[in-house]
Amino acid sequence: MKVMQKAESLLAHANDEAKLMEMRKKAAEDAEFEEEAPYEDL
């Protein structure tokens, strides 16, 4: 039973890591996009 809980805990952690990586990747893409397209309405 403990092994199962540990496995689920590791899996949840891996999921969080994957989400963080996705968010970082998206943030990086958004930053690149903003550099390419400066704000014209300011």
N, C-alpha and C. Protein backbone atom coordinates (compact mmCIF):
# COMPACT_ATOMS: atom_id res chain seq x y z
N MET A 1 0.83 -1.21 0.00
CA MET A 1 0.00 0.00 0.00
C MET A 1 0.87 1.27 0.00
N LYS A 2 1.92 1.27 0.81
CA LYS A 2 2.80 2.45 0.86
C LYS A 2 3.48 2.67 -0.48
N VAL A 3 3.87 1.58 -1.13
CA VAL A 3 4.54 1.70 -2.42
C VAL A 3 3.62 2.39 -3.42
N MET A 4 2.35 2.01 -3.39
CA MET A 4 1.37 2.60 -4.29
C MET A 4 1.24 4.10 -4.03
N GLN A 5 1.19 4.48 -2.77
CA GLN A 5 1.07 5.90 -2.43
C GLN A 5 2.30 6.67 -2.92
N LYS A 6 3.47 6.08 -2.75
CA LYS A 6 4.71 6.73 -3.19
C LYS A 6 4.70 6.90 -4.71
N ALA A 7 4.26 5.88 -5.41
CA ALA A 7 4.20 5.95 -6.87
C ALA A 7 3.25 7.06 -7.31
N GLU A 8 2.09 7.15 -6.67
CA GLU A 8 1.12 8.19 -7.02
C GLU A 8 1.70 9.57 -6.73
N SER A 9 2.42 9.67 -5.62
CA SER A 9 3.03 10.95 -5.25
C SER A 9 4.06 11.36 -6.30
N LEU A 10 4.89 10.40 -6.73
CA LEU A 10 5.90 10.69 -7.75
C LEU A 10 5.24 11.09 -9.07
N LEU A 11 4.15 10.40 -9.39
CA LEU A 11 3.44 10.68 -10.63
C LEU A 11 2.86 12.10 -10.60
N ALA A 12 2.28 12.46 -9.47
CA ALA A 12 1.71 13.80 -9.32
C ALA A 12 2.82 14.85 -9.47
N HIS A 13 3.97 14.57 -8.88
CA HIS A 13 5.10 15.50 -8.96
C HIS A 13 5.56 15.64 -10.41
N ALA A 14 5.63 14.53 -11.12
CA ALA A 14 6.04 14.56 -12.52
C ALA A 14 5.04 15.37 -13.34
N ASN A 15 3.75 15.23 -13.02
CA ASN A 15 2.72 16.00 -13.71
C ASN A 15 2.92 17.49 -13.49
N ASP A 16 3.22 17.86 -12.24
CA ASP A 16 3.44 19.27 -11.93
C ASP A 16 4.65 19.79 -12.70
N GLU A 17 5.71 18.99 -12.75
CA GLU A 17 6.92 19.39 -13.48
C GLU A 17 6.59 19.62 -14.96
N ALA A 18 5.81 18.70 -15.53
CA ALA A 18 5.44 18.82 -16.94
C ALA A 18 4.63 20.09 -17.17
N LYS A 19 3.72 20.40 -16.25
CA LYS A 19 2.91 21.61 -16.40
C LYS A 19 3.79 22.85 -16.31
N LEU A 20 4.74 22.82 -15.37
CA LEU A 20 5.66 23.96 -15.23
C LEU A 20 6.44 24.17 -16.51
N MET A 21 6.95 23.07 -17.08
CA MET A 21 7.72 23.17 -18.32
C MET A 21 6.87 23.74 -19.44
N GLU A 22 5.62 23.29 -19.53
CA GLU A 22 4.71 23.80 -20.56
C GLU A 22 4.50 25.30 -20.38
N MET A 23 4.28 25.71 -19.11
CA MET A 23 4.05 27.12 -18.83
C MET A 23 5.27 27.95 -19.18
N ARG A 24 6.47 27.43 -18.83
CA ARG A 24 7.71 28.16 -19.14
C ARG A 24 7.87 28.29 -20.65
N LYS A 25 7.59 27.18 -21.35
CA LYS A 25 7.73 27.18 -22.81
C LYS A 25 6.77 28.21 -23.43
N LYS A 26 5.53 28.21 -22.95
CA LYS A 26 4.54 29.14 -23.48
C LYS A 26 4.94 30.58 -23.15
N ALA A 27 5.42 30.80 -21.94
CA ALA A 27 5.85 32.15 -21.55
C ALA A 27 7.00 32.61 -22.44
N ALA A 28 7.93 31.72 -22.73
CA ALA A 28 9.05 32.07 -23.60
C ALA A 28 8.56 32.41 -24.99
N GLU A 29 7.61 31.63 -25.49
CA GLU A 29 7.06 31.90 -26.82
C GLU A 29 6.34 33.24 -26.83
N ASP A 30 5.57 33.52 -25.76
CA ASP A 30 4.85 34.79 -25.68
C ASP A 30 5.84 35.95 -25.65
N ALA A 31 6.93 35.80 -24.91
CA ALA A 31 7.94 36.86 -24.81
C ALA A 31 8.56 37.11 -26.18
N GLU A 32 8.88 36.05 -26.90
CA GLU A 32 9.45 36.20 -28.24
C GLU A 32 8.47 36.93 -29.15
N PHE A 33 7.20 36.55 -29.05
CA PHE A 33 6.17 37.15 -29.89
C PHE A 33 6.07 38.65 -29.60
N GLU A 34 6.14 39.02 -28.32
CA GLU A 34 6.03 40.43 -27.96
C GLU A 34 7.22 41.23 -28.48
N GLU A 35 8.41 40.60 -28.49
CA GLU A 35 9.60 41.29 -29.01
C GLU A 35 9.46 41.54 -30.50
N GLU A 36 8.86 40.58 -31.21
CA GLU A 36 8.71 40.71 -32.65
C GLU A 36 7.63 41.72 -33.02
N ALA A 37 6.61 41.83 -32.16
CA ALA A 37 5.49 42.73 -32.45
C ALA A 37 5.37 43.78 -31.35
N PRO A 38 6.08 44.89 -31.48
CA PRO A 38 6.01 45.95 -30.46
C PRO A 38 4.61 46.56 -30.40
N TYR A 39 4.30 47.10 -29.22
CA TYR A 39 2.98 47.70 -29.05
C TYR A 39 2.90 49.00 -29.86
N GLU A 40 1.89 49.09 -30.71
CA GLU A 40 1.74 50.30 -31.53
C GLU A 40 0.73 51.25 -30.91
N ASP A 41 -0.09 50.74 -29.99
CA ASP A 41 -1.16 51.57 -29.43
C ASP A 41 -0.72 52.32 -28.18
N LEU A 42 0.56 52.23 -27.83
CA LEU A 42 1.03 52.95 -26.63
C LEU A 42 1.43 54.38 -26.99
